[in-house]
Amino acid sequence: MADLKVPRVNYVLLSGRLTDDPQMTFTPKGTPVTKFRIASSRLYKDPLTGGWKEDTLYIDIKTFGELAERCHKRLSKGSPVLLEGRLNYRSWETSDGQKKSLIEIIGFRIQFLEKKAEEIQEEIPEEEGIIEEEPDEDLPF
């Protein structure tokens, strides 16, 4: 058993909706950082009642660099996303000596599941003028 190597996997795949608008800040070196929270729900059948129940988790997400810029630009409260990332654990001590900790997801791939109105508008070609043809007087019927 001592020779057994455990794979080092830290991978998360989630879907959900943003609970608020994303907030962008910058690291001391100028790298964009965007933070947001999603609500991710699952439905399950209650074994006691047989009825369906919903369980919702609220999960903190953090993105960096170009992805952070795109998230800040494209996402807003209620936006649906499908994201891939990894779990990250942080701990710190407050000024009054309390120990705090947080588990968050560092997103590295995010699929925007909804387009903003201005993006949809850009894809719709402007209507070309309608040209009505005059009836052909030479038709035999």
Protein backbone atom coordinates (compact mmCIF):
# COMPACT_ATOMS: atom_id res chain seq x y z
CA MET A 1 0.00 0.00 0.00
CA ALA A 2 2.92 2.37 0.61
CA ASP A 3 3.67 2.38 -3.12
CA LEU A 4 0.15 3.52 -4.05
CA LYS A 5 0.26 6.94 -5.67
CA VAL A 6 -2.84 9.05 -5.26
CA PRO A 7 -3.54 11.33 -8.21
CA ARG A 8 -3.44 15.03 -7.40
CA VAL A 9 -6.77 16.18 -8.73
CA ASN A 10 -8.38 19.46 -7.74
CA TYR A 11 -11.10 20.11 -10.32
CA VAL A 12 -14.56 21.63 -9.96
CA LEU A 13 -17.35 21.90 -12.54
CA LEU A 14 -20.36 24.01 -11.52
CA SER A 15 -23.28 25.84 -13.00
CA GLY A 16 -25.31 28.58 -11.41
CA ARG A 17 -26.37 32.21 -11.49
CA LEU A 18 -24.54 35.24 -10.13
CA THR A 19 -26.04 36.55 -6.89
CA ASP A 20 -24.71 40.08 -7.49
CA ASP A 21 -22.67 42.07 -10.00
CA PRO A 22 -19.01 41.00 -10.20
CA GLN A 23 -16.39 43.21 -8.53
CA MET A 24 -13.03 43.84 -10.18
CA THR A 25 -9.84 44.85 -8.36
CA PHE A 26 -6.16 44.64 -9.24
CA THR A 27 -3.18 42.92 -7.65
CA PRO A 28 -0.20 45.11 -6.65
CA LYS A 29 1.41 44.12 -9.99
CA GLY A 30 -1.70 45.25 -11.91
CA THR A 31 -3.29 41.88 -12.70
CA PRO A 32 -7.10 42.13 -12.89
CA VAL A 33 -9.00 40.07 -10.31
CA THR A 34 -12.78 39.63 -10.54
CA LYS A 35 -14.79 38.18 -7.68
CA PHE A 36 -18.39 37.07 -7.71
CA ARG A 37 -20.69 34.57 -6.04
CA ILE A 38 -22.96 32.07 -7.71
CA ALA A 39 -26.00 30.22 -6.45
CA SER A 40 -25.79 26.60 -7.58
CA SER A 41 -28.81 24.38 -6.97
CA ARG A 42 -29.47 20.68 -7.18
CA LEU A 43 -32.77 18.84 -7.07
CA TYR A 44 -33.09 15.62 -5.15
CA LYS A 45 -35.87 13.29 -4.11
CA ASP A 46 -36.49 13.21 -0.37
CA PRO A 47 -36.35 9.54 0.69
CA LEU A 48 -38.82 10.13 3.53
CA THR A 49 -41.54 12.07 1.70
CA GLY A 50 -40.87 11.05 -1.91
CA GLY A 51 -41.16 14.72 -2.89
CA TRP A 52 -38.59 16.79 -4.72
CA LYS A 53 -36.44 19.21 -2.78
CA GLU A 54 -33.93 21.84 -3.80
CA ASP A 55 -30.58 22.41 -2.15
CA THR A 56 -28.77 25.66 -3.01
CA LEU A 57 -25.13 26.45 -2.33
CA TYR A 58 -23.65 29.95 -2.51
CA ILE A 59 -20.09 29.73 -3.80
CA ASP A 60 -17.39 32.41 -4.03
CA ILE A 61 -15.55 32.55 -7.36
CA LYS A 62 -12.35 34.39 -8.23
CA THR A 63 -10.84 34.88 -11.70
CA PHE A 64 -7.59 36.49 -12.86
CA GLY A 65 -6.17 38.22 -15.92
CA GLU A 66 -8.01 38.28 -19.22
CA LEU A 67 -10.73 35.99 -17.90
CA ALA A 68 -11.32 38.42 -15.02
CA GLU A 69 -11.74 41.29 -17.49
CA ARG A 70 -14.20 39.30 -19.62
CA CYS A 71 -16.21 38.25 -16.55
CA HIS A 72 -16.40 41.84 -15.32
CA LYS A 73 -17.54 43.04 -18.75
CA ARG A 74 -19.99 40.26 -19.62
CA LEU A 75 -21.56 39.17 -16.32
CA SER A 76 -24.08 40.80 -14.03
CA LYS A 77 -26.48 39.79 -11.28
CA GLY A 78 -28.55 36.81 -12.45
CA SER A 79 -26.21 35.81 -15.30
CA PRO A 80 -26.08 32.02 -15.78
CA VAL A 81 -22.61 30.48 -16.05
CA LEU A 82 -20.96 27.11 -16.40
CA LEU A 83 -17.51 27.19 -14.86
CA GLU A 84 -14.46 25.05 -14.40
CA GLY A 85 -11.95 25.74 -11.68
CA ARG A 86 -10.10 24.50 -8.64
CA LEU A 87 -10.71 24.74 -4.91
CA ASN A 88 -8.58 27.23 -3.01
CA TYR A 89 -8.28 27.54 0.77
CA ARG A 90 -7.30 30.82 2.42
CA SER A 91 -6.88 31.63 6.09
CA TRP A 92 -6.06 34.87 7.90
CA GLU A 93 -6.25 36.56 11.25
CA THR A 94 -8.37 39.66 11.80
CA SER A 95 -7.07 42.75 13.58
CA ASP A 96 -8.80 41.60 16.78
CA GLY A 97 -7.07 38.19 16.66
CA GLN A 98 -9.93 36.08 15.24
CA LYS A 99 -8.89 33.32 12.88
CA LYS A 100 -10.89 33.22 9.65
CA SER A 101 -10.84 30.87 6.69
CA LEU A 102 -12.51 30.61 3.33
CA ILE A 103 -12.83 28.05 0.58
CA GLU A 104 -13.33 29.58 -2.85
CA ILE A 105 -13.08 28.47 -6.44
CA ILE A 106 -10.40 29.86 -8.72
CA GLY A 107 -12.15 29.83 -12.10
CA PHE A 108 -10.03 29.05 -15.14
CA ARG A 109 -12.74 28.46 -17.76
CA ILE A 110 -16.15 30.11 -17.75
CA GLN A 111 -18.91 29.67 -20.29
CA PHE A 112 -21.31 32.59 -20.43
CA LEU A 113 -24.72 30.99 -20.94
CA GLU A 114 -26.56 34.18 -21.81
CA LYS A 115 -25.78 37.06 -24.10
CA LYS A 116 -26.27 40.67 -23.06
CA ALA A 117 -28.76 42.76 -25.04
CA GLU A 118 -26.05 44.82 -26.78
CA GLU A 119 -24.29 41.63 -27.94
CA ILE A 120 -27.52 40.27 -29.40
CA GLN A 121 -28.17 43.60 -31.10
CA GLU A 122 -24.73 43.47 -32.76
CA GLU A 123 -25.52 40.06 -34.27
CA ILE A 124 -28.83 41.11 -35.80
CA PRO A 125 -28.19 42.58 -39.25
CA GLU A 126 -29.90 45.84 -40.03
CA GLU A 127 -32.93 45.35 -42.23
CA GLU A 128 -32.26 46.18 -45.81
CA GLY A 129 -34.79 48.37 -47.55
CA ILE A 130 -37.65 46.40 -49.04
CA ILE A 131 -37.88 46.84 -52.77
CA GLU A 132 -41.28 46.16 -54.24
CA GLU A 133 -41.17 45.01 -57.80
CA GLU A 134 -43.64 46.51 -60.19
CA PRO A 135 -45.89 43.92 -61.81
CA ASP A 136 -44.81 42.80 -65.23
CA GLU A 137 -47.31 44.16 -67.74
CA ASP A 138 -46.19 41.65 -70.35
CA LEU A 139 -47.45 38.53 -68.52
CA PRO A 140 -50.09 36.64 -70.54
CA PHE A 141 -52.36 35.82 -67.56
